[in-house]
Amino acid sequence: MPWNKDDYPDSLKNFMAPIRNKAIEIANELLKDGYSEGRAISIATAKAKEWGEGHHEQIRKKGH
């Protein structure tokens, strides 16, 4: 099931929008490549965090 900015896994809810959107983008590509949803979310979350750190983005919402 592809995700979008309004419908995404609960595990991404505490991330800032740029990080969450990058994770959604990556996860959707991984799904197309045949990864399971759980594995796609896990990989995409890690890669989106790396991307955010490289772009000096705030990763999580304050207090999380």
PDB file of N, CA and C in Angstrom:
ATOM      1  N   MET A   1       0.846  -1.177   0.000  1.00  0.00           N
ATOM      2  CA  MET A   1       0.000   0.000   0.000  1.00  0.00           C
ATOM      3  C   MET A   1       0.896   1.246   0.000  1.00  0.00           C
ATOM      4  N   PRO A   2       0.847   2.036  -1.043  1.00  0.00           N
ATOM      5  CA  PRO A   2       1.663   3.254  -1.049  1.00  0.00           C
ATOM      6  C   PRO A   2       1.147   4.279  -0.037  1.00  0.00           C
ATOM      7  N   TRP A   3       2.076   5.019   0.512  1.00  0.00           N
ATOM      8  CA  TRP A   3       1.731   6.041   1.496  1.00  0.00           C
ATOM      9  C   TRP A   3       1.838   7.429   0.873  1.00  0.00           C
ATOM     10  N   ASN A   4       1.259   8.416   1.560  1.00  0.00           N
ATOM     11  CA  ASN A   4       1.365   9.801   1.111  1.00  0.00           C
ATOM     12  C   ASN A   4       1.429  10.700   2.342  1.00  0.00           C
ATOM     13  N   LYS A   5       1.460  12.020   2.138  1.00  0.00           N
ATOM     14  CA  LYS A   5       1.644  12.940   3.266  1.00  0.00           C
ATOM     15  C   LYS A   5       0.471  12.951   4.238  1.00  0.00           C
ATOM     16  N   ASP A   6      -0.678  12.434   3.824  1.00  0.00           N
ATOM     17  CA  ASP A   6      -1.845  12.390   4.703  1.00  0.00           C
ATOM     18  C   ASP A   6      -2.115  10.997   5.268  1.00  0.00           C
ATOM     19  N   ASP A   7      -1.524   9.990   4.667  1.00  0.00           N
ATOM     20  CA  ASP A   7      -1.746   8.602   5.077  1.00  0.00           C
ATOM     21  C   ASP A   7      -0.398   7.894   5.101  1.00  0.00           C
ATOM     22  N   TYR A   8       0.145   7.736   6.308  1.00  0.00           N
ATOM     23  CA  TYR A   8       1.477   7.156   6.469  1.00  0.00           C
ATOM     24  C   TYR A   8       1.514   6.335   7.749  1.00  0.00           C
ATOM     25  N   PRO A   9       2.524   5.494   7.917  1.00  0.00           N
ATOM     26  CA  PRO A   9       2.619   4.651   9.112  1.00  0.00           C
ATOM     27  C   PRO A   9       2.706   5.483  10.400  1.00  0.00           C
ATOM     28  N   ASP A  10       2.082   4.977  11.450  1.00  0.00           N
ATOM     29  CA  ASP A  10       2.114   5.657  12.754  1.00  0.00           C
ATOM     30  C   ASP A  10       3.536   5.902  13.244  1.00  0.00           C
ATOM     31  N   SER A  11       4.463   5.041  12.866  1.00  0.00           N
ATOM     32  CA  SER A  11       5.838   5.191  13.342  1.00  0.00           C
ATOM     33  C   SER A  11       6.503   6.464  12.823  1.00  0.00           C
ATOM     34  N   LEU A  12       5.906   7.122  11.842  1.00  0.00           N
ATOM     35  CA  LEU A  12       6.476   8.351  11.289  1.00  0.00           C
ATOM     36  C   LEU A  12       5.825   9.615  11.838  1.00  0.00           C
ATOM     37  N   LYS A  13       4.842   9.478  12.721  1.00  0.00           N
ATOM     38  CA  LYS A  13       4.056  10.640  13.149  1.00  0.00           C
ATOM     39  C   LYS A  13       4.849  11.671  13.941  1.00  0.00           C
ATOM     40  N   ASN A  14       5.923  11.297  14.612  1.00  0.00           N
ATOM     41  CA  ASN A  14       6.686  12.244  15.423  1.00  0.00           C
ATOM     42  C   ASN A  14       7.867  12.877  14.686  1.00  0.00           C
ATOM     43  N   PHE A  15       7.976  12.602  13.409  1.00  0.00           N
ATOM     44  CA  PHE A  15       9.045  13.194  12.614  1.00  0.00           C
ATOM     45  C   PHE A  15       8.575  14.509  11.998  1.00  0.00           C
ATOM     46  N   MET A  16       9.515  15.406  11.791  1.00  0.00           N
ATOM     47  CA  MET A  16       9.207  16.654  11.104  1.00  0.00           C
ATOM     48  C   MET A  16       8.808  16.318   9.661  1.00  0.00           C
ATOM     49  N   ALA A  17       7.981  17.181   9.066  1.00  0.00           N
ATOM     50  CA  ALA A  17       7.438  16.900   7.738  1.00  0.00           C
ATOM     51  C   ALA A  17       8.489  16.572   6.683  1.00  0.00           C
ATOM     52  N   PRO A  18       9.603  17.315   6.578  1.00  0.00           N
ATOM     53  CA  PRO A  18      10.578  16.961   5.528  1.00  0.00           C
ATOM     54  C   PRO A  18      11.154  15.552   5.696  1.00  0.00           C
ATOM     55  N   ILE A  19      11.383  15.156   6.935  1.00  0.00           N
ATOM     56  CA  ILE A  19      11.930  13.823   7.204  1.00  0.00           C
ATOM     57  C   ILE A  19      10.870  12.768   6.911  1.00  0.00           C
ATOM     58  N   ARG A  20       9.656  13.006   7.396  1.00  0.00           N
ATOM     59  CA  ARG A  20       8.552  12.077   7.154  1.00  0.00           C
ATOM     60  C   ARG A  20       8.302  11.921   5.646  1.00  0.00           C
ATOM     61  N   ASN A  21       8.280  13.027   4.913  1.00  0.00           N
ATOM     62  CA  ASN A  21       8.029  12.958   3.475  1.00  0.00           C
ATOM     63  C   ASN A  21       9.129  12.193   2.750  1.00  0.00           C
ATOM     64  N   LYS A  22      10.372  12.376   3.158  1.00  0.00           N
ATOM     65  CA  LYS A  22      11.480  11.637   2.560  1.00  0.00           C
ATOM     66  C   LYS A  22      11.332  10.145   2.869  1.00  0.00           C
ATOM     67  N   ALA A  23      10.948   9.815   4.099  1.00  0.00           N
ATOM     68  CA  ALA A  23      10.748   8.411   4.467  1.00  0.00           C
ATOM     69  C   ALA A  23       9.620   7.795   3.641  1.00  0.00           C
ATOM     70  N   ILE A  24       8.550   8.535   3.429  1.00  0.00           N
ATOM     71  CA  ILE A  24       7.437   8.048   2.615  1.00  0.00           C
ATOM     72  C   ILE A  24       7.902   7.789   1.185  1.00  0.00           C
ATOM     73  N   GLU A  25       8.651   8.721   0.645  1.00  0.00           N
ATOM     74  CA  GLU A  25       9.176   8.580  -0.719  1.00  0.00           C
ATOM     75  C   GLU A  25      10.038   7.321  -0.839  1.00  0.00           C
ATOM     76  N   ILE A  26      10.953   7.145   0.098  1.00  0.00           N
ATOM     77  CA  ILE A  26      11.850   5.988   0.073  1.00  0.00           C
ATOM     78  C   ILE A  26      11.067   4.693   0.270  1.00  0.00           C
ATOM     79  N   ALA A  27      10.155   4.681   1.233  1.00  0.00           N
ATOM     80  CA  ALA A  27       9.379   3.472   1.520  1.00  0.00           C
ATOM     81  C   ALA A  27       8.550   3.055   0.305  1.00  0.00           C
ATOM     82  N   ASN A  28       7.941   4.007  -0.367  1.00  0.00           N
ATOM     83  CA  ASN A  28       7.145   3.679  -1.551  1.00  0.00           C
ATOM     84  C   ASN A  28       8.015   3.055  -2.645  1.00  0.00           C
ATOM     85  N   GLU A  29       9.224   3.549  -2.814  1.00  0.00           N
ATOM     86  CA  GLU A  29      10.137   2.958  -3.799  1.00  0.00           C
ATOM     87  C   GLU A  29      10.521   1.533  -3.400  1.00  0.00           C
ATOM     88  N   LEU A  30      10.755   1.334  -2.103  1.00  0.00           N
ATOM     89  CA  LEU A  30      11.106  -0.002  -1.631  1.00  0.00           C
ATOM     90  C   LEU A  30       9.946  -0.980  -1.828  1.00  0.00           C
ATOM     91  N   LEU A  31       8.724  -0.513  -1.619  1.00  0.00           N
ATOM     92  CA  LEU A  31       7.551  -1.362  -1.858  1.00  0.00           C
ATOM     93  C   LEU A  31       7.495  -1.783  -3.324  1.00  0.00           C
ATOM     94  N   LYS A  32       7.772  -0.835  -4.216  1.00  0.00           N
ATOM     95  CA  LYS A  32       7.788  -1.155  -5.656  1.00  0.00           C
ATOM     96  C   LYS A  32       8.839  -2.204  -5.981  1.00  0.00           C
ATOM     97  N   ASP A  33       9.919  -2.200  -5.197  1.00  0.00           N
ATOM     98  CA  ASP A  33      11.002  -3.160  -5.409  1.00  0.00           C
ATOM     99  C   ASP A  33      10.735  -4.504  -4.738  1.00  0.00           C
ATOM    100  N   GLY A  34       9.574  -4.640  -4.097  1.00  0.00           N
ATOM    101  CA  GLY A  34       9.185  -5.920  -3.525  1.00  0.00           C
ATOM    102  C   GLY A  34       9.446  -6.111  -2.049  1.00  0.00           C
ATOM    103  N   TYR A  35       9.896  -5.076  -1.360  1.00  0.00           N
ATOM    104  CA  TYR A  35      10.110  -5.191   0.087  1.00  0.00           C
ATOM    105  C   TYR A  35       8.770  -5.272   0.810  1.00  0.00           C
ATOM    106  N   SER A  36       8.757  -5.943   1.952  1.00  0.00           N
ATOM    107  CA  SER A  36       7.548  -5.971   2.780  1.00  0.00           C
ATOM    108  C   SER A  36       7.345  -4.589   3.392  1.00  0.00           C
ATOM    109  N   GLU A  37       6.124  -4.290   3.818  1.00  0.00           N
ATOM    110  CA  GLU A  37       5.847  -2.981   4.411  1.00  0.00           C
ATOM    111  C   GLU A  37       6.725  -2.711   5.619  1.00  0.00           C
ATOM    112  N   GLY A  38       6.851  -3.684   6.515  1.00  0.00           N
ATOM    113  CA  GLY A  38       7.655  -3.499   7.723  1.00  0.00           C
ATOM    114  C   GLY A  38       9.110  -3.209   7.417  1.00  0.00           C
ATOM    115  N   ARG A  39       9.659  -3.952   6.495  1.00  0.00           N
ATOM    116  CA  ARG A  39      11.068  -3.746   6.125  1.00  0.00           C
ATOM    117  C   ARG A  39      11.252  -2.415   5.411  1.00  0.00           C
ATOM    118  N   ALA A  40      10.306  -2.066   4.547  1.00  0.00           N
ATOM    119  CA  ALA A  40      10.375  -0.793   3.819  1.00  0.00           C
ATOM    120  C   ALA A  40      10.343   0.384   4.788  1.00  0.00           C
ATOM    121  N   ILE A  41       9.483   0.317   5.791  1.00  0.00           N
ATOM    122  CA  ILE A  41       9.383   1.396   6.780  1.00  0.00           C
ATOM    123  C   ILE A  41      10.688   1.513   7.564  1.00  0.00           C
ATOM    124  N   SER A  42      11.214   0.386   7.974  1.00  0.00           N
ATOM    125  CA  SER A  42      12.450   0.381   8.768  1.00  0.00           C
ATOM    126  C   SER A  42      13.614   0.988   7.990  1.00  0.00           C
ATOM    127  N   ILE A  43      13.806   0.537   6.776  1.00  0.00           N
ATOM    128  CA  ILE A  43      14.902   1.057   5.950  1.00  0.00           C
ATOM    129  C   ILE A  43      14.684   2.527   5.638  1.00  0.00           C
ATOM    130  N   ALA A  44      13.461   2.879   5.250  1.00  0.00           N
ATOM    131  CA  ALA A  44      13.151   4.261   4.873  1.00  0.00           C
ATOM    132  C   ALA A  44      13.339   5.216   6.039  1.00  0.00           C
ATOM    133  N   THR A  45      12.968   4.799   7.232  1.00  0.00           N
ATOM    134  CA  THR A  45      13.138   5.650   8.406  1.00  0.00           C
ATOM    135  C   THR A  45      14.619   5.939   8.649  1.00  0.00           C
ATOM    136  N   ALA A  46      15.428   4.909   8.594  1.00  0.00           N
ATOM    137  CA  ALA A  46      16.874   5.087   8.803  1.00  0.00           C
ATOM    138  C   ALA A  46      17.478   5.987   7.732  1.00  0.00           C
ATOM    139  N   LYS A  47      17.109   5.761   6.471  1.00  0.00           N
ATOM    140  CA  LYS A  47      17.659   6.563   5.370  1.00  0.00           C
ATOM    141  C   LYS A  47      17.173   8.011   5.446  1.00  0.00           C
ATOM    142  N   ALA A  48      15.930   8.221   5.845  1.00  0.00           N
ATOM    143  CA  ALA A  48      15.407   9.583   5.963  1.00  0.00           C
ATOM    144  C   ALA A  48      16.097  10.340   7.095  1.00  0.00           C
ATOM    145  N   LYS A  49      16.410   9.654   8.194  1.00  0.00           N
ATOM    146  CA  LYS A  49      17.159  10.291   9.277  1.00  0.00           C
ATOM    147  C   LYS A  49      18.539  10.711   8.788  1.00  0.00           C
ATOM    148  N   GLU A  50      19.207   9.815   8.055  1.00  0.00           N
ATOM    149  CA  GLU A  50      20.524  10.144   7.499  1.00  0.00           C
ATOM    150  C   GLU A  50      20.422  11.353   6.572  1.00  0.00           C
ATOM    151  N   TRP A  51      19.408  11.358   5.721  1.00  0.00           N
ATOM    152  CA  TRP A  51      19.190  12.465   4.793  1.00  0.00           C
ATOM    153  C   TRP A  51      18.998  13.763   5.574  1.00  0.00           C
ATOM    154  N   GLY A  52      18.176  13.727   6.611  1.00  0.00           N
ATOM    155  CA  GLY A  52      17.916  14.917   7.414  1.00  0.00           C
ATOM    156  C   GLY A  52      19.156  15.446   8.099  1.00  0.00           C
ATOM    157  N   GLU A  53      19.954  14.554   8.641  1.00  0.00           N
ATOM    158  CA  GLU A  53      21.189  14.976   9.298  1.00  0.00           C
ATOM    159  C   GLU A  53      22.134  15.622   8.287  1.00  0.00           C
ATOM    160  N   GLY A  54      22.185  15.087   7.081  1.00  0.00           N
ATOM    161  CA  GLY A  54      23.036  15.638   6.043  1.00  0.00           C
ATOM    162  C   GLY A  54      22.566  16.998   5.547  1.00  0.00           C
ATOM    163  N   HIS A  55      21.293  17.263   5.709  1.00  0.00           N
ATOM    164  CA  HIS A  55      20.718  18.544   5.283  1.00  0.00           C
ATOM    165  C   HIS A  55      20.450  19.468   6.473  1.00  0.00           C
ATOM    166  N   HIS A  56      20.970  19.095   7.630  1.00  0.00           N
ATOM    167  CA  HIS A  56      20.829  19.883   8.866  1.00  0.00           C
ATOM    168  C   HIS A  56      19.363  20.187   9.186  1.00  0.00           C
ATOM    169  N   GLU A  57      18.529  19.183   8.996  1.00  0.00           N
ATOM    170  CA  GLU A  57      17.102  19.305   9.294  1.00  0.00           C
ATOM    171  C   GLU A  57      16.843  18.825  10.719  1.00  0.00           C
ATOM    172  N   GLN A  58      15.839  19.411  11.351  1.00  0.00           N
ATOM    173  CA  GLN A  58      15.375  18.884  12.633  1.00  0.00           C
ATOM    174  C   GLN A  58      14.676  17.567  12.320  1.00  0.00           C
ATOM    175  N   ILE A  59      15.015  16.519  13.032  1.00  0.00           N
ATOM    176  CA  ILE A  59      14.516  15.184  12.729  1.00  0.00           C
ATOM    177  C   ILE A  59      13.143  14.932  13.330  1.00  0.00           C
ATOM    178  N   ARG A  60      13.026  15.134  14.619  1.00  0.00           N
ATOM    179  CA  ARG A  60      11.758  14.850  15.312  1.00  0.00           C
ATOM    180  C   ARG A  60      11.104  16.136  15.809  1.00  0.00           C
ATOM    181  N   LYS A  61       9.802  16.030  16.012  1.00  0.00           N
ATOM    182  CA  LYS A  61       9.077  17.164  16.596  1.00  0.00           C
ATOM    183  C   LYS A  61       9.588  17.370  18.001  1.00  0.00           C
ATOM    184  N   LYS A  62       9.547  18.584  18.484  1.00  0.00           N
ATOM    185  CA  LYS A  62      10.031  18.886  19.837  1.00  0.00           C
ATOM    186  C   LYS A  62       9.269  18.067  20.859  1.00  0.00           C
ATOM    187  N   GLY A  63      10.010  17.556  21.848  1.00  0.00           N
ATOM    188  CA  GLY A  63       9.403  16.747  22.902  1.00  0.00           C
ATOM    189  C   GLY A  63       9.332  15.278  22.578  1.00  0.00           C
ATOM    190  N   HIS A  64       9.887  14.872  21.425  1.00  0.00           N
ATOM    191  CA  HIS A  64       9.838  13.441  21.027  1.00  0.00           C
ATOM    192  C   HIS A  64      11.214  12.941  20.728  1.00  0.00           C
TER     193      HIS A  64
END
